[in-house]
Amino acid sequence: MPEQDENGSTELRQDQAHSARMYDYYLGGKTNYAVDREAAEQVIAAFPAIETVARVNRAYMHRAMRHLARAGVRQFIDVGTGIPTAPNLHDIVQEITPEARVVYADNDPIVLVYADALLAGSPQGRTAYVHADATDPARLLVAVREQDVLDLDQPVALSLHALLHFVPDALEPARIVAEFLDQLPSGSYLSLTHCTGDFDPEAWQKITDTYTARGTPAQVRSRDEVLPFFEGLELLEPGLVLAHQWRPEPGSGPAVLSDRLVSLYAAVARKP
């Protein structure tokens, strides 16, 4: 649960920049502090297209979740939810399948404060929020089960969007993904996005240095380093590609000028 002070108030760690609040700033949101804006502006100075990356990530999420809802998926777990930004994942899938059920998970206390925005689902479906850490999949999924919203014996779509580049190798991100998938049944899906330095390594080194210096370890990865996260899964077409190339739709996301401006890999895969 979020840290609390001696009076029982939630500790929002306003003295340290947080990746979720910086992401909110890139998207033009208002749920961020001066320390987040200062850090975000430092990132923007190193790579002005970071706002494009955030918007491309958001547009990909919409397309991927719509695809899975249309394919018959009825249960979703969104790990690393971040600050609620409409339309949220449940808005997307419940527009297609009103009975869809969604559980959000994040470890930033400010997300808990604004979680009410994640709970206003359709009358036929259900949504819930758990405060949990992605680096402990077993405990996170126990918290999900306790919500009694999802049946984890039935297929689930797991989204790890813009998350794993904040999980350095020392924390074994491949193990984390495998532990999540091991506990989900056959027919489940993984949707994942991950920033890369493949197209501008110098700029992305500055970005990761900025996050790390502000207390959030960051590590971008090459395509060859992202692909193993899908080991044992069946990649849906077009496979692991830059996010704007994954089943593009007219008007979905910002106009993209080059792969360098995106610098974000994305894919959806099915557990056999």
Protein backbone atom coordinates (compact mmCIF):
# COMPACT_ATOMS: atom_id res chain seq x y z
CA MET A 1 0.00 0.00 0.00
CA PRO A 2 1.11 3.63 -0.37
CA GLU A 3 3.40 5.00 2.28
CA GLN A 4 1.65 7.02 4.98
CA ASP A 5 2.88 9.68 7.32
CA GLU A 6 2.31 9.70 11.09
CA ASN A 7 -1.15 11.18 10.60
CA GLY A 8 -2.18 8.44 8.19
CA SER A 9 -2.03 10.62 5.08
CA THR A 10 -0.85 9.08 1.83
CA GLU A 11 2.77 9.96 1.04
CA LEU A 12 2.91 11.02 -2.63
CA ARG A 13 6.70 11.46 -2.78
CA GLN A 14 6.39 14.95 -4.22
CA ASP A 15 10.11 15.55 -3.71
CA GLN A 16 11.12 12.99 -6.36
CA ALA A 17 10.20 12.77 -10.01
CA HIS A 18 8.14 9.72 -10.96
CA SER A 19 7.94 8.12 -14.39
CA ALA A 20 4.11 7.92 -14.34
CA ARG A 21 3.77 11.63 -13.61
CA MET A 22 6.41 12.50 -16.23
CA TYR A 23 4.44 10.43 -18.75
CA ASP A 24 1.33 12.37 -17.77
CA TYR A 25 3.23 15.59 -18.50
CA TYR A 26 4.31 14.32 -21.95
CA LEU A 27 0.64 13.67 -22.72
CA GLY A 28 -0.33 17.19 -21.66
CA GLY A 29 -1.87 16.11 -18.35
CA LYS A 30 -2.07 18.13 -15.16
CA THR A 31 -1.43 15.41 -12.57
CA ASN A 32 2.26 16.13 -12.00
CA TYR A 33 4.49 18.24 -9.78
CA ALA A 34 7.24 20.76 -10.40
CA VAL A 35 9.87 18.09 -9.82
CA ASP A 36 8.24 15.90 -12.51
CA ARG A 37 8.02 18.78 -14.98
CA GLU A 38 11.64 19.73 -14.40
CA ALA A 39 12.81 16.18 -15.07
CA ALA A 40 10.49 15.83 -18.07
CA GLU A 41 11.80 19.06 -19.60
CA GLN A 42 15.33 17.69 -19.24
CA VAL A 43 14.25 14.61 -21.19
CA ILE A 44 12.53 16.77 -23.81
CA ALA A 45 15.73 18.77 -24.22
CA ALA A 46 17.61 15.55 -24.98
CA PHE A 47 14.90 14.14 -27.25
CA PRO A 48 12.10 16.55 -28.21
CA ALA A 49 10.12 13.70 -29.78
CA ILE A 50 9.51 12.05 -26.40
CA GLU A 51 5.98 13.48 -26.44
CA THR A 52 5.47 11.72 -29.78
CA VAL A 53 6.70 8.47 -28.24
CA ALA A 54 4.14 8.81 -25.44
CA ARG A 55 1.29 9.52 -27.84
CA VAL A 56 2.28 6.68 -30.17
CA ASN A 57 2.33 4.35 -27.17
CA ARG A 58 -1.14 5.48 -26.19
CA ALA A 59 -2.50 5.03 -29.72
CA TYR A 60 -1.00 1.55 -29.93
CA MET A 61 -2.69 0.59 -26.65
CA HIS A 62 -6.04 1.62 -28.08
CA ARG A 63 -5.55 -0.43 -31.26
CA ALA A 64 -4.16 -3.51 -29.52
CA MET A 65 -6.87 -3.63 -26.85
CA ARG A 66 -9.62 -3.08 -29.42
CA HIS A 67 -8.20 -5.96 -31.45
CA LEU A 68 -8.18 -8.30 -28.45
CA ALA A 69 -11.71 -7.31 -27.43
CA ARG A 70 -12.92 -7.99 -30.95
CA ALA A 71 -11.10 -11.34 -30.85
CA GLY A 72 -13.20 -12.35 -27.85
CA VAL A 73 -10.99 -11.50 -24.89
CA ARG A 74 -13.14 -10.55 -21.90
CA GLN A 75 -10.55 -10.12 -19.12
CA PHE A 76 -7.67 -7.64 -18.93
CA ILE A 77 -4.86 -6.85 -16.48
CA ASP A 78 -3.06 -3.56 -17.04
CA VAL A 79 0.24 -3.41 -15.12
CA GLY A 80 1.94 -0.04 -14.77
CA THR A 81 -1.30 1.83 -15.36
CA GLY A 82 -0.02 5.33 -14.65
CA ILE A 83 -2.16 8.42 -14.24
CA PRO A 84 -5.69 7.83 -15.58
CA THR A 85 -6.02 9.38 -19.05
CA ALA A 86 -9.31 9.03 -20.90
CA PRO A 87 -10.06 6.93 -22.75
CA ASN A 88 -8.66 4.36 -20.33
CA LEU A 89 -8.25 0.70 -21.21
CA HIS A 90 -11.68 -0.23 -19.84
CA ASP A 91 -13.29 2.53 -21.92
CA ILE A 92 -11.76 1.00 -25.04
CA VAL A 93 -12.68 -2.63 -24.44
CA GLN A 94 -16.09 -2.09 -22.85
CA GLU A 95 -17.18 -0.01 -25.83
CA ILE A 96 -16.76 -3.21 -27.85
CA THR A 97 -17.63 -5.73 -25.14
CA PRO A 98 -19.64 -4.12 -22.33
CA GLU A 99 -19.20 -7.17 -20.08
CA ALA A 100 -15.39 -7.00 -20.23
CA ARG A 101 -13.60 -6.90 -16.88
CA VAL A 102 -10.41 -4.95 -16.19
CA VAL A 103 -8.00 -4.81 -13.25
CA TYR A 104 -5.41 -2.04 -13.14
CA ALA A 105 -2.17 -2.25 -11.14
CA ASP A 106 0.47 0.34 -10.29
CA ASN A 107 2.91 1.13 -7.48
CA ASP A 108 2.69 4.95 -7.62
CA PRO A 109 0.62 6.26 -4.69
CA ILE A 110 -0.76 9.12 -6.78
CA VAL A 111 -2.41 6.60 -9.11
CA LEU A 112 -4.29 5.25 -6.09
CA VAL A 113 -5.49 8.78 -5.32
CA TYR A 114 -6.97 9.10 -8.82
CA ALA A 115 -8.08 5.48 -9.16
CA ASP A 116 -11.77 6.41 -9.06
CA ALA A 117 -11.37 7.40 -12.71
CA LEU A 118 -10.43 3.78 -13.41
CA LEU A 119 -13.50 2.32 -11.73
CA ALA A 120 -16.30 3.90 -13.73
CA GLY A 121 -16.84 0.99 -16.08
CA SER A 122 -19.93 -0.14 -17.94
CA PRO A 123 -22.88 -1.47 -15.90
CA GLN A 124 -22.37 -4.92 -17.44
CA GLY A 125 -18.61 -5.08 -16.81
CA ARG A 126 -16.39 -4.50 -13.80
CA THR A 127 -13.16 -2.66 -13.09
CA ALA A 128 -10.81 -2.65 -10.11
CA TYR A 129 -7.48 -1.20 -9.05
CA VAL A 130 -4.70 -2.79 -6.98
CA HIS A 131 -1.65 -1.06 -5.56
CA ALA A 132 1.11 -3.54 -6.39
CA ASP A 133 4.60 -3.76 -7.82
CA ALA A 134 5.26 -5.27 -11.25
CA THR A 135 8.55 -6.74 -10.05
CA ASP A 136 6.63 -9.18 -7.82
CA PRO A 137 4.21 -10.91 -10.22
CA ALA A 138 3.08 -13.55 -7.71
CA ARG A 139 2.03 -10.99 -5.11
CA LEU A 140 0.43 -8.76 -7.75
CA LEU A 141 -1.68 -11.61 -9.09
CA VAL A 142 -2.72 -12.58 -5.56
CA ALA A 143 -3.98 -9.01 -5.14
CA VAL A 144 -5.83 -9.31 -8.46
CA ARG A 145 -7.49 -12.55 -7.36
CA GLU A 146 -8.57 -10.94 -4.09
CA GLN A 147 -10.56 -8.35 -6.06
CA ASP A 148 -12.81 -11.19 -7.30
CA VAL A 149 -13.21 -9.39 -10.63
CA LEU A 150 -11.31 -11.77 -12.90
CA ASP A 151 -11.29 -15.55 -13.24
CA LEU A 152 -7.59 -16.28 -13.71
CA ASP A 153 -8.42 -19.81 -14.80
CA GLN A 154 -9.79 -18.28 -18.00
CA PRO A 155 -7.79 -16.39 -20.68
CA VAL A 156 -6.58 -12.91 -19.77
CA ALA A 157 -4.92 -10.14 -21.76
CA LEU A 158 -1.91 -8.82 -19.84
CA SER A 159 -0.64 -5.38 -20.85
CA LEU A 160 2.89 -4.29 -19.96
CA HIS A 161 2.96 -1.00 -21.82
CA ALA A 162 5.94 1.35 -21.44
CA LEU A 163 6.93 -0.53 -18.30
CA LEU A 164 9.91 -2.83 -18.81
CA HIS A 165 12.32 -0.07 -19.79
CA PHE A 166 12.04 0.90 -16.12
CA VAL A 167 13.10 -2.60 -15.08
CA PRO A 168 16.90 -2.91 -15.36
CA ASP A 169 18.59 -6.22 -16.09
CA ALA A 170 19.49 -6.60 -12.41
CA LEU A 171 15.77 -7.10 -11.68
CA GLU A 172 15.48 -9.77 -14.40
CA PRO A 173 12.66 -8.43 -16.60
CA ALA A 174 12.50 -11.65 -18.63
CA ARG A 175 11.88 -13.58 -15.41
CA ILE A 176 9.15 -11.13 -14.45
CA VAL A 177 7.34 -11.57 -17.78
CA ALA A 178 7.70 -15.36 -17.58
CA GLU A 179 6.29 -15.43 -14.04
CA PHE A 180 3.24 -13.46 -15.13
CA LEU A 181 2.61 -15.71 -18.10
CA ASP A 182 3.26 -18.93 -16.17
CA GLN A 183 0.31 -18.09 -13.91
CA LEU A 184 -2.08 -17.29 -16.77
CA PRO A 185 -3.90 -20.01 -18.71
CA SER A 186 -3.53 -21.07 -22.32
CA GLY A 187 -5.23 -18.62 -24.66
CA SER A 188 -4.04 -15.58 -22.70
CA TYR A 189 -2.29 -12.70 -24.43
CA LEU A 190 0.65 -10.41 -23.73
CA SER A 191 0.73 -6.86 -25.13
CA LEU A 192 4.03 -5.07 -24.57
CA THR A 193 5.76 -1.86 -25.58
CA HIS A 194 9.39 -0.96 -24.90
CA CYS A 195 11.54 2.09 -25.68
CA THR A 196 14.67 1.54 -27.73
CA GLY A 197 17.90 3.34 -28.49
CA ASP A 198 18.28 1.55 -31.82
CA PHE A 199 17.70 4.73 -33.83
CA ASP A 200 19.33 7.40 -31.65
CA PRO A 201 21.55 5.78 -29.01
CA GLU A 202 23.14 9.04 -27.84
CA ALA A 203 19.81 10.75 -27.11
CA TRP A 204 18.39 7.71 -25.35
CA GLN A 205 21.49 7.40 -23.21
CA LYS A 206 20.83 10.96 -22.03
CA ILE A 207 17.21 10.05 -21.33
CA THR A 208 18.06 6.97 -19.28
CA ASP A 209 20.72 8.94 -17.42
CA THR A 210 18.12 11.58 -16.54
CA TYR A 211 15.62 9.05 -15.19
CA THR A 212 18.29 7.18 -13.26
CA ALA A 213 19.69 10.37 -11.72
CA ARG A 214 16.15 11.26 -10.58
CA GLY A 215 15.70 7.96 -8.80
CA THR A 216 14.04 5.86 -11.51
CA PRO A 217 16.42 3.34 -13.07
CA ALA A 218 15.82 3.08 -16.81
CA GLN A 219 17.23 0.85 -19.52
CA VAL A 220 16.26 0.93 -23.18
CA ARG A 221 16.78 -2.23 -25.24
CA SER A 222 17.38 -3.23 -28.81
CA ARG A 223 14.87 -5.24 -30.82
CA ASP A 224 16.98 -8.36 -30.25
CA GLU A 225 16.79 -7.72 -26.50
CA VAL A 226 13.02 -7.15 -26.48
CA LEU A 227 12.13 -10.19 -28.59
CA PRO A 228 13.00 -12.76 -25.85
CA PHE A 229 10.22 -11.35 -23.66
CA PHE A 230 7.88 -13.22 -26.03
CA GLU A 231 9.68 -16.56 -25.76
CA GLY A 232 7.24 -19.46 -25.91
CA LEU A 233 4.42 -17.25 -27.17
CA GLU A 234 2.83 -16.95 -30.62
CA LEU A 235 3.37 -13.45 -32.02
CA LEU A 236 0.39 -11.98 -33.82
CA GLU A 237 1.05 -10.34 -37.18
CA PRO A 238 2.99 -8.17 -37.88
CA GLY A 239 5.21 -9.42 -35.03
CA LEU A 240 7.53 -7.18 -33.03
CA VAL A 241 7.61 -3.84 -34.84
CA LEU A 242 7.76 -0.15 -34.07
CA ALA A 243 4.49 0.81 -32.41
CA HIS A 244 3.18 2.97 -35.26
CA GLN A 245 3.63 -0.02 -37.60
CA TRP A 246 1.44 -2.37 -35.55
CA ARG A 247 -1.85 -2.59 -37.49
CA PRO A 248 -2.02 1.16 -38.20
CA GLU A 249 -5.40 2.83 -38.57
CA PRO A 250 -6.24 6.23 -40.09
CA GLY A 251 -6.21 8.92 -37.42
CA SER A 252 -4.70 6.62 -34.78
CA GLY A 253 -1.92 8.55 -33.08
CA PRO A 254 0.26 11.44 -34.23
CA ALA A 255 1.58 11.75 -37.73
CA VAL A 256 4.93 9.97 -37.67
CA LEU A 257 7.84 11.33 -39.65
CA SER A 258 10.46 8.65 -38.99
CA ASP A 259 11.20 5.50 -37.01
CA ARG A 260 13.64 7.53 -34.91
CA LEU A 261 10.80 9.70 -33.61
CA VAL A 262 8.93 6.61 -32.41
CA SER A 263 11.76 4.56 -30.87
CA LEU A 264 9.20 2.22 -29.30
CA TYR A 265 8.76 -1.47 -30.07
CA ALA A 266 5.38 -3.16 -29.69
CA ALA A 267 3.81 -6.56 -30.11
CA VAL A 268 0.91 -8.77 -29.08
CA ALA A 269 1.41 -12.49 -28.54
CA ARG A 270 -0.75 -15.44 -27.51
CA LYS A 271 0.11 -18.11 -24.97
CA PRO A 272 -0.44 -21.52 -26.66
